[in-house]
Protein backbone atom coordinates (compact mmCIF):
# COMPACT_ATOMS: atom_id res chain seq x y z
CA MET A 1 -165.44 -78.52 12.04
CA LEU A 2 -168.07 -80.35 10.43
CA LEU A 3 -168.05 -77.66 7.71
CA LEU A 4 -164.33 -77.75 7.58
CA GLU A 5 -164.36 -81.88 7.21
CA LEU A 6 -166.87 -81.29 4.46
CA ALA A 7 -164.56 -78.80 2.74
CA VAL A 8 -161.57 -80.76 2.92
CA LEU A 9 -163.83 -84.13 1.87
CA ASP A 10 -165.01 -82.12 -0.89
CA ALA A 11 -161.81 -80.77 -2.61
CA GLY A 12 -162.82 -81.51 -5.85
CA SER A 13 -165.30 -78.85 -6.55
CA LEU A 14 -163.80 -76.57 -3.92
CA PRO A 15 -160.39 -74.68 -4.55
CA ALA A 16 -157.79 -75.17 -2.36
CA ALA A 17 -157.43 -71.36 -2.02
CA VAL A 18 -160.93 -70.95 -0.81
CA ALA A 19 -160.47 -74.06 1.69
CA VAL A 20 -157.46 -72.52 3.16
CA ALA A 21 -159.18 -68.83 3.48
CA PHE A 22 -162.27 -70.49 5.31
CA THR A 23 -159.70 -72.48 7.49
CA ALA A 24 -157.72 -69.31 8.24
CA THR A 25 -161.06 -67.39 9.12
CA ALA A 26 -162.23 -70.17 11.30
CA ALA A 27 -158.91 -70.05 13.19
CA ALA A 28 -159.23 -66.46 13.55
CA GLY A 29 -162.75 -66.54 14.91
CA ALA A 30 -161.69 -68.89 17.49
CA ALA A 31 -158.62 -66.81 18.59
CA LEU A 32 -160.94 -63.70 18.88
CA ALA A 33 -163.38 -65.89 20.83
CA VAL A 34 -160.76 -67.04 23.12
CA CYS A 35 -159.20 -63.92 23.76
CA ALA A 36 -162.63 -62.40 24.58
CA LEU A 37 -163.41 -64.93 27.33
CA ILE A 38 -160.17 -64.00 29.12
CA GLY A 39 -160.41 -60.52 28.31
CA SER A 40 -164.24 -60.87 29.67
CA ARG A 41 -163.09 -62.71 32.93
CA ARG A 42 -160.44 -60.41 33.83
CA ALA A 43 -162.17 -57.37 34.02
CA SER A 44 -162.78 -56.05 37.41
CA ALA A 45 -166.75 -55.06 37.93
CA VAL A 46 -167.31 -51.54 38.71
CA PRO A 47 -169.66 -50.88 41.64
CA ARG A 48 -172.95 -49.12 40.79
CA THR A 49 -172.11 -46.09 42.57
CA ARG A 50 -169.24 -45.49 40.49
CA VAL A 51 -171.54 -45.40 37.42
CA ARG A 52 -174.10 -43.27 39.05
CA THR A 53 -171.86 -40.98 39.87
CA ALA A 54 -169.74 -40.68 36.46
CA ILE A 55 -173.17 -40.32 34.43
CA ARG A 56 -174.44 -37.39 36.93
CA ASP A 57 -171.10 -35.67 36.37
CA ARG A 58 -171.30 -36.18 32.73
CA GLU A 59 -174.38 -34.63 32.88
CA HIS A 60 -173.52 -31.49 34.72
CA ARG A 61 -170.74 -30.95 32.31
CA THR A 62 -172.59 -31.45 29.23
CA ALA A 63 -175.89 -29.17 30.42
CA PHE A 64 -177.02 -26.98 27.57
CA LEU A 65 -176.51 -23.62 29.28
CA PRO A 66 -179.56 -21.82 27.89
CA GLN A 67 -182.08 -24.21 29.20
CA ARG A 68 -180.87 -24.60 32.89
CA ASP A 69 -182.86 -21.46 33.80
CA PRO A 70 -185.63 -20.42 31.08
CA ASP A 71 -187.14 -17.91 33.40
CA ALA A 72 -183.91 -15.83 33.87
CA SER A 73 -183.55 -12.27 33.14
CA GLY A 74 -182.85 -10.96 29.48
CA ARG A 75 -184.79 -14.66 27.98
CA PRO A 76 -187.40 -13.61 26.06
CA ARG A 77 -190.98 -15.63 26.75
CA PRO A 78 -192.01 -18.09 24.03
CA ARG A 79 -195.34 -16.20 22.62
CA ALA A 80 -198.77 -17.98 21.92
CA PRO A 81 -198.82 -18.09 17.97
CA GLY A 82 -201.72 -15.11 17.03
CA ARG A 83 -203.25 -14.62 13.63
CA ALA A 84 -201.66 -15.37 10.27
CA LEU A 85 -200.15 -12.75 8.55
CA LEU A 86 -201.87 -11.53 5.26
CA THR A 87 -199.24 -12.33 3.34
CA ALA A 88 -198.76 -15.77 4.54
CA ALA A 89 -202.65 -16.31 4.58
CA ALA A 90 -202.71 -17.00 0.67
């Protein structure tokens, strides 16, 4: 409010359009804050068990299948690095 009063009192150096824009922005910000406050009070609390279950279910759905069982038959085992090839040793 203090900034608004200063802007209105010092109208000689501040164009009227800037003062109107400042007032509109302040009003929109106040309305947004009120809406956020009302919305946060109306939101129901979700039980922790539902949150854990949802996270666990999402992990099961998004698992990267080749990494589930690296020792399954047909999967090549990673090898340790060997000696450098002669063409790459230059």
